[in-house]
Amino acid sequence: MPPMLGPAQQPALFVVQVMEEAKQKSLGTPGVTTLEAALFVYCEAPGVDEPPGEETQLAETALNALLKTIEAAIKPPIDGQPQTLGGLVSHCWLEGQTFKDPGVLSHQAMAIVPLRMLVP
């Protein structure tokens, strides 16, 4: 269940590690660990007091703008180089299906974005 967030607490982003996979390349060599996280993004439509069908801006519009911002933040700072999150990981990238609830039945929208990280 999503957290109970008020309008003043949104937009909100929560990062939850959901998987860790260790692989040994070959005997006697260091292995690699891949972490998978889920980015939970929440936002509320600006016009929460507007009746359904008469909204001036949909929650999905705000959600899509936030998702583009996340994509831009994860993009490598230099083309051809991996995103390292400031040296915290060897590589970080978005991969997999993004689940979206565009807030059709309410003014609350959310998305779950898969993020993968390669740890040295």
PDB file of N, CA and C in Angstrom:
ATOM      1  N   MET A   1       0.834  -1.181   0.000  1.00  0.00           N
ATOM      2  CA  MET A   1       0.000   0.000   0.000  1.00  0.00           C
ATOM      3  C   MET A   1       0.881   1.247   0.000  1.00  0.00           C
ATOM      4  N   PRO A   2       0.481   2.267  -0.711  1.00  0.00           N
ATOM      5  CA  PRO A   2       1.264   3.501  -0.704  1.00  0.00           C
ATOM      6  C   PRO A   2       1.143   4.205   0.639  1.00  0.00           C
ATOM      7  N   PRO A   3       2.153   4.974   0.963  1.00  0.00           N
ATOM      8  CA  PRO A   3       2.074   5.731   2.218  1.00  0.00           C
ATOM      9  C   PRO A   3       1.000   6.817   2.124  1.00  0.00           C
ATOM     10  N   MET A   4       0.547   7.259   3.269  1.00  0.00           N
ATOM     11  CA  MET A   4      -0.426   8.349   3.314  1.00  0.00           C
ATOM     12  C   MET A   4       0.355   9.656   3.231  1.00  0.00           C
ATOM     13  N   LEU A   5       0.361  10.245   2.051  1.00  0.00           N
ATOM     14  CA  LEU A   5       1.098  11.478   1.830  1.00  0.00           C
ATOM     15  C   LEU A   5       0.123  12.608   1.566  1.00  0.00           C
ATOM     16  N   GLY A   6       0.310  13.691   2.253  1.00  0.00           N
ATOM     17  CA  GLY A   6      -0.516  14.862   2.007  1.00  0.00           C
ATOM     18  C   GLY A   6       0.042  15.667   0.843  1.00  0.00           C
ATOM     19  N   PRO A   7      -0.719  16.636   0.362  1.00  0.00           N
ATOM     20  CA  PRO A   7      -0.265  17.458  -0.764  1.00  0.00           C
ATOM     21  C   PRO A   7       1.075  18.157  -0.510  1.00  0.00           C
ATOM     22  N   ALA A   8       1.325  18.580   0.727  1.00  0.00           N
ATOM     23  CA  ALA A   8       2.574  19.271   1.045  1.00  0.00           C
ATOM     24  C   ALA A   8       3.781  18.332   0.992  1.00  0.00           C
ATOM     25  N   GLN A   9       3.549  17.009   1.045  1.00  0.00           N
ATOM     26  CA  GLN A   9       4.633  16.021   1.021  1.00  0.00           C
ATOM     27  C   GLN A   9       4.901  15.487  -0.382  1.00  0.00           C
ATOM     28  N   GLN A  10       4.224  16.042  -1.371  1.00  0.00           N
ATOM     29  CA  GLN A  10       4.369  15.541  -2.735  1.00  0.00           C
ATOM     30  C   GLN A  10       4.857  16.633  -3.661  1.00  0.00           C
ATOM     31  N   PRO A  11       5.584  16.286  -4.698  1.00  0.00           N
ATOM     32  CA  PRO A  11       5.893  14.928  -5.121  1.00  0.00           C
ATOM     33  C   PRO A  11       6.865  14.264  -4.147  1.00  0.00           C
ATOM     34  N   ALA A  12       6.848  12.931  -4.161  1.00  0.00           N
ATOM     35  CA  ALA A  12       7.697  12.150  -3.258  1.00  0.00           C
ATOM     36  C   ALA A  12       8.353  11.020  -4.033  1.00  0.00           C
ATOM     37  N   LEU A  13       9.563  10.673  -3.620  1.00  0.00           N
ATOM     38  CA  LEU A  13      10.312   9.571  -4.224  1.00  0.00           C
ATOM     39  C   LEU A  13      10.874   8.710  -3.107  1.00  0.00           C
ATOM     40  N   PHE A  14      10.604   7.406  -3.178  1.00  0.00           N
ATOM     41  CA  PHE A  14      11.151   6.443  -2.230  1.00  0.00           C
ATOM     42  C   PHE A  14      11.949   5.418  -3.015  1.00  0.00           C
ATOM     43  N   VAL A  15      13.137   5.059  -2.515  1.00  0.00           N
ATOM     44  CA  VAL A  15      13.995   4.072  -3.160  1.00  0.00           C
ATOM     45  C   VAL A  15      14.061   2.858  -2.247  1.00  0.00           C
ATOM     46  N   VAL A  16      13.693   1.682  -2.801  1.00  0.00           N
ATOM     47  CA  VAL A  16      13.676   0.447  -2.027  1.00  0.00           C
ATOM     48  C   VAL A  16      14.469  -0.605  -2.778  1.00  0.00           C
ATOM     49  N   GLN A  17      15.502  -1.157  -2.120  1.00  0.00           N
ATOM     50  CA  GLN A  17      16.248  -2.253  -2.745  1.00  0.00           C
ATOM     51  C   GLN A  17      15.390  -3.505  -2.685  1.00  0.00           C
ATOM     52  N   VAL A  18      15.184  -4.146  -3.834  1.00  0.00           N
ATOM     53  CA  VAL A  18      14.291  -5.301  -3.890  1.00  0.00           C
ATOM     54  C   VAL A  18      14.995  -6.595  -4.247  1.00  0.00           C
ATOM     55  N   MET A  19      16.255  -6.517  -4.730  1.00  0.00           N
ATOM     56  CA  MET A  19      16.949  -7.737  -5.135  1.00  0.00           C
ATOM     57  C   MET A  19      18.448  -7.490  -5.114  1.00  0.00           C
ATOM     58  N   GLU A  20      19.193  -8.542  -4.823  1.00  0.00           N
ATOM     59  CA  GLU A  20      20.649  -8.499  -4.897  1.00  0.00           C
ATOM     60  C   GLU A  20      21.111  -9.824  -5.478  1.00  0.00           C
ATOM     61  N   GLU A  21      21.935  -9.759  -6.516  1.00  0.00           N
ATOM     62  CA  GLU A  21      22.413 -10.976  -7.169  1.00  0.00           C
ATOM     63  C   GLU A  21      23.929 -10.926  -7.257  1.00  0.00           C
ATOM     64  N   ALA A  22      24.589 -11.951  -6.714  1.00  0.00           N
ATOM     65  CA  ALA A  22      26.047 -12.053  -6.776  1.00  0.00           C
ATOM     66  C   ALA A  22      26.417 -13.116  -7.802  1.00  0.00           C
ATOM     67  N   LYS A  23      27.391 -12.782  -8.656  1.00  0.00           N
ATOM     68  CA  LYS A  23      27.869 -13.732  -9.660  1.00  0.00           C
ATOM     69  C   LYS A  23      29.378 -13.820  -9.575  1.00  0.00           C
ATOM     70  N   GLN A  24      29.864 -15.036  -9.577  1.00  0.00           N
ATOM     71  CA  GLN A  24      31.298 -15.284  -9.600  1.00  0.00           C
ATOM     72  C   GLN A  24      31.714 -15.442 -11.048  1.00  0.00           C
ATOM     73  N   LYS A  25      32.665 -14.628 -11.511  1.00  0.00           N
ATOM     74  CA  LYS A  25      33.101 -14.725 -12.907  1.00  0.00           C
ATOM     75  C   LYS A  25      33.817 -16.045 -13.145  1.00  0.00           C
ATOM     76  N   SER A  26      34.891 -16.269 -12.435  1.00  0.00           N
ATOM     77  CA  SER A  26      35.603 -17.547 -12.491  1.00  0.00           C
ATOM     78  C   SER A  26      36.364 -17.715 -11.189  1.00  0.00           C
ATOM     79  N   LEU A  27      36.732 -18.925 -10.899  1.00  0.00           N
ATOM     80  CA  LEU A  27      37.382 -19.249  -9.637  1.00  0.00           C
ATOM     81  C   LEU A  27      38.617 -18.379  -9.432  1.00  0.00           C
ATOM     82  N   GLY A  28      38.705 -17.756  -8.291  1.00  0.00           N
ATOM     83  CA  GLY A  28      39.861 -16.940  -7.955  1.00  0.00           C
ATOM     84  C   GLY A  28      39.796 -15.499  -8.418  1.00  0.00           C
ATOM     85  N   THR A  29      38.729 -15.121  -9.086  1.00  0.00           N
ATOM     86  CA  THR A  29      38.589 -13.725  -9.521  1.00  0.00           C
ATOM     87  C   THR A  29      37.438 -13.088  -8.750  1.00  0.00           C
ATOM     88  N   PRO A  30      37.493 -11.779  -8.614  1.00  0.00           N
ATOM     89  CA  PRO A  30      36.388 -11.137  -7.897  1.00  0.00           C
ATOM     90  C   PRO A  30      35.085 -11.230  -8.690  1.00  0.00           C
ATOM     91  N   GLY A  31      34.021 -11.421  -7.993  1.00  0.00           N
ATOM     92  CA  GLY A  31      32.708 -11.479  -8.630  1.00  0.00           C
ATOM     93  C   GLY A  31      32.093 -10.100  -8.742  1.00  0.00           C
ATOM     94  N   VAL A  32      30.878 -10.076  -9.233  1.00  0.00           N
ATOM     95  CA  VAL A  32      30.147  -8.820  -9.345  1.00  0.00           C
ATOM     96  C   VAL A  32      28.796  -8.977  -8.648  1.00  0.00           C
ATOM     97  N   THR A  33      28.313  -7.902  -8.120  1.00  0.00           N
ATOM     98  CA  THR A  33      27.009  -7.888  -7.476  1.00  0.00           C
ATOM     99  C   THR A  33      26.128  -6.871  -8.186  1.00  0.00           C
ATOM    100  N   THR A  34      24.933  -7.308  -8.540  1.00  0.00           N
ATOM    101  CA  THR A  34      23.956  -6.423  -9.152  1.00  0.00           C
ATOM    102  C   THR A  34      22.836  -6.193  -8.153  1.00  0.00           C
ATOM    103  N   LEU A  35      22.527  -4.937  -7.909  1.00  0.00           N
ATOM    104  CA  LEU A  35      21.429  -4.571  -7.026  1.00  0.00           C
ATOM    105  C   LEU A  35      20.272  -4.093  -7.886  1.00  0.00           C
ATOM    106  N   GLU A  36      19.074  -4.462  -7.501  1.00  0.00           N
ATOM    107  CA  GLU A  36      17.893  -3.935  -8.170  1.00  0.00           C
ATOM    108  C   GLU A  36      17.071  -3.184  -7.144  1.00  0.00           C
ATOM    109  N   ALA A  37      16.659  -1.994  -7.524  1.00  0.00           N
ATOM    110  CA  ALA A  37      15.842  -1.168  -6.643  1.00  0.00           C
ATOM    111  C   ALA A  37      14.567  -0.774  -7.368  1.00  0.00           C
ATOM    112  N   ALA A  38      13.583  -0.434  -6.598  1.00  0.00           N
ATOM    113  CA  ALA A  38      12.336   0.096  -7.143  1.00  0.00           C
ATOM    114  C   ALA A  38      12.220   1.540  -6.671  1.00  0.00           C
ATOM    115  N   LEU A  39      12.018   2.428  -7.635  1.00  0.00           N
ATOM    116  CA  LEU A  39      11.794   3.832  -7.318  1.00  0.00           C
ATOM    117  C   LEU A  39      10.283   4.051  -7.275  1.00  0.00           C
ATOM    118  N   PHE A  40       9.758   4.395  -6.130  1.00  0.00           N
ATOM    119  CA  PHE A  40       8.323   4.659  -5.971  1.00  0.00           C
ATOM    120  C   PHE A  40       8.134   6.170  -6.055  1.00  0.00           C
ATOM    121  N   VAL A  41       7.394   6.600  -7.068  1.00  0.00           N
ATOM    122  CA  VAL A  41       7.176   8.018  -7.326  1.00  0.00           C
ATOM    123  C   VAL A  41       5.702   8.329  -7.087  1.00  0.00           C
ATOM    124  N   TYR A  42       5.426   9.359  -6.296  1.00  0.00           N
ATOM    125  CA  TYR A  42       4.054   9.766  -6.001  1.00  0.00           C
ATOM    126  C   TYR A  42       3.885  11.240  -6.339  1.00  0.00           C
ATOM    127  N   CYS A  43       2.755  11.577  -6.928  1.00  0.00           N
ATOM    128  CA  CYS A  43       2.431  12.985  -7.141  1.00  0.00           C
ATOM    129  C   CYS A  43       0.916  13.137  -7.199  1.00  0.00           C
ATOM    130  N   GLU A  44       0.497  14.327  -6.897  1.00  0.00           N
ATOM    131  CA  GLU A  44      -0.923  14.627  -6.889  1.00  0.00           C
ATOM    132  C   GLU A  44      -1.181  15.698  -7.947  1.00  0.00           C
ATOM    133  N   ALA A  45      -2.302  15.603  -8.616  1.00  0.00           N
ATOM    134  CA  ALA A  45      -2.654  16.606  -9.624  1.00  0.00           C
ATOM    135  C   ALA A  45      -2.789  17.968  -8.954  1.00  0.00           C
ATOM    136  N   PRO A  46      -2.361  19.026  -9.637  1.00  0.00           N
ATOM    137  CA  PRO A  46      -2.441  20.367  -9.040  1.00  0.00           C
ATOM    138  C   PRO A  46      -3.856  20.798  -8.667  1.00  0.00           C
ATOM    139  N   GLY A  47      -4.845  20.501  -9.475  1.00  0.00           N
ATOM    140  CA  GLY A  47      -6.213  20.952  -9.207  1.00  0.00           C
ATOM    141  C   GLY A  47      -7.035  19.901  -8.505  1.00  0.00           C
ATOM    142  N   VAL A  48      -6.713  19.590  -7.252  1.00  0.00           N
ATOM    143  CA  VAL A  48      -7.388  18.504  -6.542  1.00  0.00           C
ATOM    144  C   VAL A  48      -8.855  18.807  -6.226  1.00  0.00           C
ATOM    145  N   ASP A  49      -9.253  20.060  -6.294  1.00  0.00           N
ATOM    146  CA  ASP A  49     -10.635  20.408  -5.982  1.00  0.00           C
ATOM    147  C   ASP A  49     -11.537  20.432  -7.218  1.00  0.00           C
ATOM    148  N   GLU A  50     -10.977  20.120  -8.370  1.00  0.00           N
ATOM    149  CA  GLU A  50     -11.760  20.156  -9.612  1.00  0.00           C
ATOM    150  C   GLU A  50     -12.563  18.867  -9.765  1.00  0.00           C
ATOM    151  N   PRO A  51     -13.798  18.935 -10.210  1.00  0.00           N
ATOM    152  CA  PRO A  51     -14.593  17.724 -10.386  1.00  0.00           C
ATOM    153  C   PRO A  51     -14.056  16.866 -11.528  1.00  0.00           C
ATOM    154  N   PRO A  52     -14.235  15.545 -11.432  1.00  0.00           N
ATOM    155  CA  PRO A  52     -13.778  14.647 -12.500  1.00  0.00           C
ATOM    156  C   PRO A  52     -14.351  15.077 -13.848  1.00  0.00           C
ATOM    157  N   GLY A  53     -13.492  15.054 -14.856  1.00  0.00           N
ATOM    158  CA  GLY A  53     -13.884  15.450 -16.196  1.00  0.00           C
ATOM    159  C   GLY A  53     -13.693  16.931 -16.478  1.00  0.00           C
ATOM    160  N   GLU A  54     -13.443  17.701 -15.430  1.00  0.00           N
ATOM    161  CA  GLU A  54     -13.251  19.141 -15.603  1.00  0.00           C
ATOM    162  C   GLU A  54     -11.862  19.591 -15.135  1.00  0.00           C
ATOM    163  N   GLU A  55     -10.943  18.637 -14.997  1.00  0.00           N
ATOM    164  CA  GLU A  55      -9.598  18.963 -14.538  1.00  0.00           C
ATOM    165  C   GLU A  55      -8.873  19.814 -15.576  1.00  0.00           C
ATOM    166  N   THR A  56      -8.076  20.750 -15.089  1.00  0.00           N
ATOM    167  CA  THR A  56      -7.258  21.564 -15.991  1.00  0.00           C
ATOM    168  C   THR A  56      -5.901  20.917 -16.223  1.00  0.00           C
ATOM    169  N   GLN A  57      -5.456  20.065 -15.295  1.00  0.00           N
ATOM    170  CA  GLN A  57      -4.223  19.303 -15.468  1.00  0.00           C
ATOM    171  C   GLN A  57      -4.397  17.952 -14.787  1.00  0.00           C
ATOM    172  N   LEU A  58      -4.077  16.887 -15.488  1.00  0.00           N
ATOM    173  CA  LEU A  58      -4.207  15.546 -14.947  1.00  0.00           C
ATOM    174  C   LEU A  58      -2.985  15.175 -14.111  1.00  0.00           C
ATOM    175  N   ALA A  59      -3.187  14.277 -13.153  1.00  0.00           N
ATOM    176  CA  ALA A  59      -2.074  13.786 -12.344  1.00  0.00           C
ATOM    177  C   ALA A  59      -1.052  13.082 -13.233  1.00  0.00           C
ATOM    178  N   GLU A  60      -1.518  12.437 -14.301  1.00  0.00           N
ATOM    179  CA  GLU A  60      -0.604  11.725 -15.197  1.00  0.00           C
ATOM    180  C   GLU A  60       0.379  12.691 -15.865  1.00  0.00           C
ATOM    181  N   THR A  61      -0.050  13.895 -16.161  1.00  0.00           N
ATOM    182  CA  THR A  61       0.846  14.888 -16.764  1.00  0.00           C
ATOM    183  C   THR A  61       1.993  15.209 -15.810  1.00  0.00           C
ATOM    184  N   ALA A  62       1.666  15.418 -14.557  1.00  0.00           N
ATOM    185  CA  ALA A  62       2.690  15.702 -13.550  1.00  0.00           C
ATOM    186  C   ALA A  62       3.590  14.487 -13.351  1.00  0.00           C
ATOM    187  N   LEU A  63       3.008  13.281 -13.342  1.00  0.00           N
ATOM    188  CA  LEU A  63       3.783  12.058 -13.171  1.00  0.00           C
ATOM    189  C   LEU A  63       4.767  11.868 -14.326  1.00  0.00           C
ATOM    190  N   ASN A  64       4.319  12.079 -15.557  1.00  0.00           N
ATOM    191  CA  ASN A  64       5.204  11.923 -16.711  1.00  0.00           C
ATOM    192  C   ASN A  64       6.374  12.904 -16.660  1.00  0.00           C
ATOM    193  N   ALA A  65       6.126  14.113 -16.185  1.00  0.00           N
ATOM    194  CA  ALA A  65       7.206  15.091 -16.048  1.00  0.00           C
ATOM    195  C   ALA A  65       8.235  14.619 -15.016  1.00  0.00           C
ATOM    196  N   LEU A  66       7.764  14.038 -13.917  1.00  0.00           N
ATOM    197  CA  LEU A  66       8.682  13.519 -12.897  1.00  0.00           C
ATOM    198  C   LEU A  66       9.500  12.348 -13.445  1.00  0.00           C
ATOM    199  N   LEU A  67       8.871  11.471 -14.217  1.00  0.00           N
ATOM    200  CA  LEU A  67       9.587  10.327 -14.793  1.00  0.00           C
ATOM    201  C   LEU A  67      10.662  10.789 -15.772  1.00  0.00           C
ATOM    202  N   LYS A  68      10.391  11.828 -16.533  1.00  0.00           N
ATOM    203  CA  LYS A  68      11.412  12.377 -17.442  1.00  0.00           C
ATOM    204  C   LYS A  68      12.577  12.964 -16.646  1.00  0.00           C
ATOM    205  N   THR A  69      12.286  13.560 -15.514  1.00  0.00           N
ATOM    206  CA  THR A  69      13.330  14.110 -14.660  1.00  0.00           C
ATOM    207  C   THR A  69      14.220  12.995 -14.104  1.00  0.00           C
ATOM    208  N   ILE A  70      13.608  11.876 -13.716  1.00  0.00           N
ATOM    209  CA  ILE A  70      14.382  10.728 -13.218  1.00  0.00           C
ATOM    210  C   ILE A  70      15.261  10.180 -14.333  1.00  0.00           C
ATOM    211  N   GLU A  71      14.721  10.027 -15.528  1.00  0.00           N
ATOM    212  CA  GLU A  71      15.511   9.546 -16.665  1.00  0.00           C
ATOM    213  C   GLU A  71      16.708  10.456 -16.915  1.00  0.00           C
ATOM    214  N   ALA A  72      16.497  11.752 -16.854  1.00  0.00           N
ATOM    215  CA  ALA A  72      17.587  12.700 -17.075  1.00  0.00           C
ATOM    216  C   ALA A  72      18.641  12.596 -15.972  1.00  0.00           C
ATOM    217  N   ALA A  73      18.219  12.352 -14.732  1.00  0.00           N
ATOM    218  CA  ALA A  73      19.161  12.243 -13.617  1.00  0.00           C
ATOM    219  C   ALA A  73      20.002  10.972 -13.712  1.00  0.00           C
ATOM    220  N   ILE A  74      19.438   9.903 -14.266  1.00  0.00           N
ATOM    221  CA  ILE A  74      20.155   8.630 -14.377  1.00  0.00           C
ATOM    222  C   ILE A  74      21.019   8.590 -15.629  1.00  0.00           C
ATOM    223  N   LYS A  75      20.738   9.453 -16.590  1.00  0.00           N
ATOM    224  CA  LYS A  75      21.536   9.488 -17.817  1.00  0.00           C
ATOM    225  C   LYS A  75      22.999   9.744 -17.452  1.00  0.00           C
ATOM    226  N   PRO A  76      23.923   9.030 -18.093  1.00  0.00           N
ATOM    227  CA  PRO A  76      25.344   9.250 -17.786  1.00  0.00           C
ATOM    228  C   PRO A  76      25.747  10.704 -18.005  1.00  0.00           C
ATOM    229  N   PRO A  77      26.594  11.243 -17.133  1.00  0.00           N
ATOM    230  CA  PRO A  77      27.003  12.637 -17.257  1.00  0.00           C
ATOM    231  C   PRO A  77      27.811  12.902 -18.529  1.00  0.00           C
ATOM    232  N   ILE A  78      28.516  11.875 -19.008  1.00  0.00           N
ATOM    233  CA  ILE A  78      29.303  11.974 -20.234  1.00  0.00           C
ATOM    234  C   ILE A  78      28.870  10.831 -21.138  1.00  0.00           C
ATOM    235  N   ASP A  79      28.491  11.141 -22.381  1.00  0.00           N
ATOM    236  CA  ASP A  79      28.074  10.091 -23.313  1.00  0.00           C
ATOM    237  C   ASP A  79      29.153   9.029 -23.443  1.00  0.00           C
ATOM    238  N   GLY A  80      28.721   7.778 -23.411  1.00  0.00           N
ATOM    239  CA  GLY A  80      29.652   6.659 -23.535  1.00  0.00           C
ATOM    240  C   GLY A  80      30.242   6.209 -22.213  1.00  0.00           C
ATOM    241  N   GLN A  81      30.010   6.962 -21.156  1.00  0.00           N
ATOM    242  CA  GLN A  81      30.507   6.605 -19.824  1.00  0.00           C
ATOM    243  C   GLN A  81      29.335   6.161 -18.961  1.00  0.00           C
ATOM    244  N   PRO A  82      29.563   5.240 -18.023  1.00  0.00           N
ATOM    245  CA  PRO A  82      28.445   4.808 -17.177  1.00  0.00           C
ATOM    246  C   PRO A  82      28.089   5.844 -16.117  1.00  0.00           C
ATOM    247  N   GLN A  83      26.841   5.791 -15.683  1.00  0.00           N
ATOM    248  CA  GLN A  83      26.392   6.580 -14.537  1.00  0.00           C
ATOM    249  C   GLN A  83      26.868   5.851 -13.293  1.00  0.00           C
ATOM    250  N   THR A  84      27.645   6.503 -12.432  1.00  0.00           N
ATOM    251  CA  THR A  84      28.196   5.848 -11.239  1.00  0.00           C
ATOM    252  C   THR A  84      27.610   6.377  -9.940  1.00  0.00           C
ATOM    253  N   LEU A  85      26.638   7.254 -10.018  1.00  0.00           N
ATOM    254  CA  LEU A  85      26.052   7.876  -8.823  1.00  0.00           C
ATOM    255  C   LEU A  85      27.140   8.501  -7.960  1.00  0.00           C
ATOM    256  N   GLY A  86      28.040   9.217  -8.620  1.00  0.00           N
ATOM    257  CA  GLY A  86      29.120   9.890  -7.902  1.00  0.00           C
ATOM    258  C   GLY A  86      30.169   8.940  -7.364  1.00  0.00           C
ATOM    259  N   GLY A  87      30.338   7.782  -7.998  1.00  0.00           N
ATOM    260  CA  GLY A  87      31.345   6.809  -7.565  1.00  0.00           C
ATOM    261  C   GLY A  87      30.826   5.766  -6.592  1.00  0.00           C
ATOM    262  N   LEU A  88      29.543   5.789  -6.266  1.00  0.00           N
ATOM    263  CA  LEU A  88      28.986   4.804  -5.334  1.00  0.00           C
ATOM    264  C   LEU A  88      28.871   3.409  -5.951  1.00  0.00           C
ATOM    265  N   VAL A  89      28.641   3.349  -7.266  1.00  0.00           N
ATOM    266  CA  VAL A  89      28.494   2.080  -7.979  1.00  0.00           C
ATOM    267  C   VAL A  89      29.310   2.149  -9.265  1.00  0.00           C
ATOM    268  N   SER A  90      29.531   0.987  -9.896  1.00  0.00           N
ATOM    269  CA  SER A  90      30.254   0.960 -11.165  1.00  0.00           C
ATOM    270  C   SER A  90      29.381   1.418 -12.321  1.00  0.00           C
ATOM    271  N   HIS A  91      28.091   1.116 -12.223  1.00  0.00           N
ATOM    272  CA  HIS A  91      27.162   1.465 -13.304  1.00  0.00           C
ATOM    273  C   HIS A  91      25.747   1.471 -12.731  1.00  0.00           C
ATOM    274  N   CYS A  92      24.921   2.385 -13.199  1.00  0.00           N
ATOM    275  CA  CYS A  92      23.530   2.500 -12.758  1.00  0.00           C
ATOM    276  C   CYS A  92      22.680   2.799 -13.975  1.00  0.00           C
ATOM    277  N   TRP A  93      21.555   2.097 -14.114  1.00  0.00           N
ATOM    278  CA  TRP A  93      20.708   2.314 -15.281  1.00  0.00           C
ATOM    279  C   TRP A  93      19.273   1.905 -14.980  1.00  0.00           C
ATOM    280  N   LEU A  94      18.348   2.440 -15.773  1.00  0.00           N
ATOM    281  CA  LEU A  94      16.944   2.057 -15.687  1.00  0.00           C
ATOM    282  C   LEU A  94      16.744   0.862 -16.606  1.00  0.00           C
ATOM    283  N   GLU A  95      16.085  -0.172 -16.104  1.00  0.00           N
ATOM    284  CA  GLU A  95      15.839  -1.356 -16.927  1.00  0.00           C
ATOM    285  C   GLU A  95      14.612  -2.091 -16.418  1.00  0.00           C
ATOM    286  N   GLY A  96      13.729  -2.422 -17.331  1.00  0.00           N
ATOM    287  CA  GLY A  96      12.535  -3.179 -16.980  1.00  0.00           C
ATOM    288  C   GLY A  96      11.276  -2.367 -17.220  1.00  0.00           C
ATOM    289  N   GLN A  97      10.165  -2.941 -16.813  1.00  0.00           N
ATOM    290  CA  GLN A  97       8.867  -2.311 -17.017  1.00  0.00           C
ATOM    291  C   GLN A  97       8.546  -1.349 -15.883  1.00  0.00           C
ATOM    292  N   THR A  98       8.066  -0.180 -16.248  1.00  0.00           N
ATOM    293  CA  THR A  98       7.610   0.801 -15.267  1.00  0.00           C
ATOM    294  C   THR A  98       6.108   0.635 -15.097  1.00  0.00           C
ATOM    295  N   PHE A  99       5.680   0.441 -13.860  1.00  0.00           N
ATOM    296  CA  PHE A  99       4.252   0.356 -13.545  1.00  0.00           C
ATOM    297  C   PHE A  99       3.763   1.765 -13.266  1.00  0.00           C
ATOM    298  N   LYS A 100       2.642   2.141 -13.885  1.00  0.00           N
ATOM    299  CA  LYS A 100       2.084   3.476 -13.672  1.00  0.00           C
ATOM    300  C   LYS A 100       0.609   3.393 -13.300  1.00  0.00           C
ATOM    301  N   ASP A 101       0.244   4.144 -12.283  1.00  0.00           N
ATOM    302  CA  ASP A 101      -1.153   4.401 -11.956  1.00  0.00           C
ATOM    303  C   ASP A 101      -1.334   5.893 -12.191  1.00  0.00           C
ATOM    304  N   PRO A 102      -1.935   6.286 -13.319  1.00  0.00           N
ATOM    305  CA  PRO A 102      -1.999   7.697 -13.679  1.00  0.00           C
ATOM    306  C   PRO A 102      -3.009   8.520 -12.895  1.00  0.00           C
ATOM    307  N   GLY A 103      -3.644   7.935 -11.908  1.00  0.00           N
ATOM    308  CA  GLY A 103      -4.593   8.704 -11.115  1.00  0.00           C
ATOM    309  C   GLY A 103      -5.911   8.931 -11.815  1.00  0.00           C
ATOM    310  N   VAL A 104      -6.360   7.939 -12.583  1.00  0.00           N
ATOM    311  CA  VAL A 104      -7.606   8.075 -13.329  1.00  0.00           C
ATOM    312  C   VAL A 104      -8.802   8.181 -12.382  1.00  0.00           C
ATOM    313  N   LEU A 105      -8.801   7.408 -11.319  1.00  0.00           N
ATOM    314  CA  LEU A 105      -9.941   7.401 -10.398  1.00  0.00           C
ATOM    315  C   LEU A 105      -9.768   8.358  -9.228  1.00  0.00           C
ATOM    316  N   SER A 106      -8.629   9.000  -9.166  1.00  0.00           N
ATOM    317  CA  SER A 106      -8.391   9.968  -8.094  1.00  0.00           C
ATOM    318  C   SER A 106      -7.393  10.995  -8.610  1.00  0.00           C
ATOM    319  N   HIS A 107      -7.003  11.892  -7.769  1.00  0.00           N
ATOM    320  CA  HIS A 107      -6.004  12.885  -8.151  1.00  0.00           C
ATOM    321  C   HIS A 107      -4.600  12.424  -7.798  1.00  0.00           C
ATOM    322  N   GLN A 108      -4.479  11.209  -7.260  1.00  0.00           N
ATOM    323  CA  GLN A 108      -3.192  10.665  -6.829  1.00  0.00           C
ATOM    324  C   GLN A 108      -2.631   9.777  -7.926  1.00  0.00           C
ATOM    325  N   ALA A 109      -1.400  10.047  -8.352  1.00  0.00           N
ATOM    326  CA  ALA A 109      -0.722   9.217  -9.342  1.00  0.00           C
ATOM    327  C   ALA A 109       0.530   8.627  -8.712  1.00  0.00           C
ATOM    328  N   MET A 110       0.955   7.492  -9.246  1.00  0.00           N
ATOM    329  CA  MET A 110       2.182   6.879  -8.750  1.00  0.00           C
ATOM    330  C   MET A 110       2.796   6.028  -9.840  1.00  0.00           C
ATOM    331  N   ALA A 111       4.094   5.781  -9.709  1.00  0.00           N
ATOM    332  CA  ALA A 111       4.808   4.912 -10.636  1.00  0.00           C
ATOM    333  C   ALA A 111       5.853   4.134  -9.852  1.00  0.00           C
ATOM    334  N   ILE A 112       6.154   2.926 -10.342  1.00  0.00           N
ATOM    335  CA  ILE A 112       7.239   2.119  -9.800  1.00  0.00           C
ATOM    336  C   ILE A 112       8.221   1.909 -10.944  1.00  0.00           C
ATOM    337  N   VAL A 113       9.425   2.434 -10.780  1.00  0.00           N
ATOM    338  CA  VAL A 113      10.438   2.421 -11.825  1.00  0.00           C
ATOM    339  C   VAL A 113      11.574   1.483 -11.411  1.00  0.00           C
ATOM    340  N   PRO A 114      11.930   0.495 -12.262  1.00  0.00           N
ATOM    341  CA  PRO A 114      13.031  -0.405 -11.909  1.00  0.00           C
ATOM    342  C   PRO A 114      14.404   0.219 -12.207  1.00  0.00           C
ATOM    343  N   LEU A 115      15.300   0.101 -11.254  1.00  0.00           N
ATOM    344  CA  LEU A 115      16.644   0.658 -11.367  1.00  0.00           C
ATOM    345  C   LEU A 115      17.633  -0.450 -11.040  1.00  0.00           C
ATOM    346  N   ARG A 116      18.672  -0.580 -11.848  1.00  0.00           N
ATOM    347  CA  ARG A 116      19.704  -1.592 -11.606  1.00  0.00           C
ATOM    348  C   ARG A 116      21.037  -0.907 -11.385  1.00  0.00           C
ATOM    349  N   MET A 117      21.846  -1.510 -10.495  1.00  0.00           N
ATOM    350  CA  MET A 117      23.165  -0.964 -10.178  1.00  0.00           C
ATOM    351  C   MET A 117      24.174  -2.087 -10.106  1.00  0.00           C
ATOM    352  N   LEU A 118      25.328  -1.873 -10.699  1.00  0.00           N
ATOM    353  CA  LEU A 118      26.417  -2.835 -10.665  1.00  0.00           C
ATOM    354  C   LEU A 118      27.419  -2.353  -9.628  1.00  0.00           C
ATOM    355  N   VAL A 119      27.680  -3.204  -8.646  1.00  0.00           N
ATOM    356  CA  VAL A 119      28.570  -2.848  -7.544  1.00  0.00           C
ATOM    357  C   VAL A 119      29.936  -3.471  -7.808  1.00  0.00           C
ATOM    358  N   PRO A 120      31.006  -2.683  -7.626  1.00  0.00           N
ATOM    359  CA  PRO A 120      32.348  -3.237  -7.904  1.00  0.00           C
ATOM    360  C   PRO A 120      32.707  -4.329  -6.915  1.00  0.00           C
TER     361      PRO A 120
END
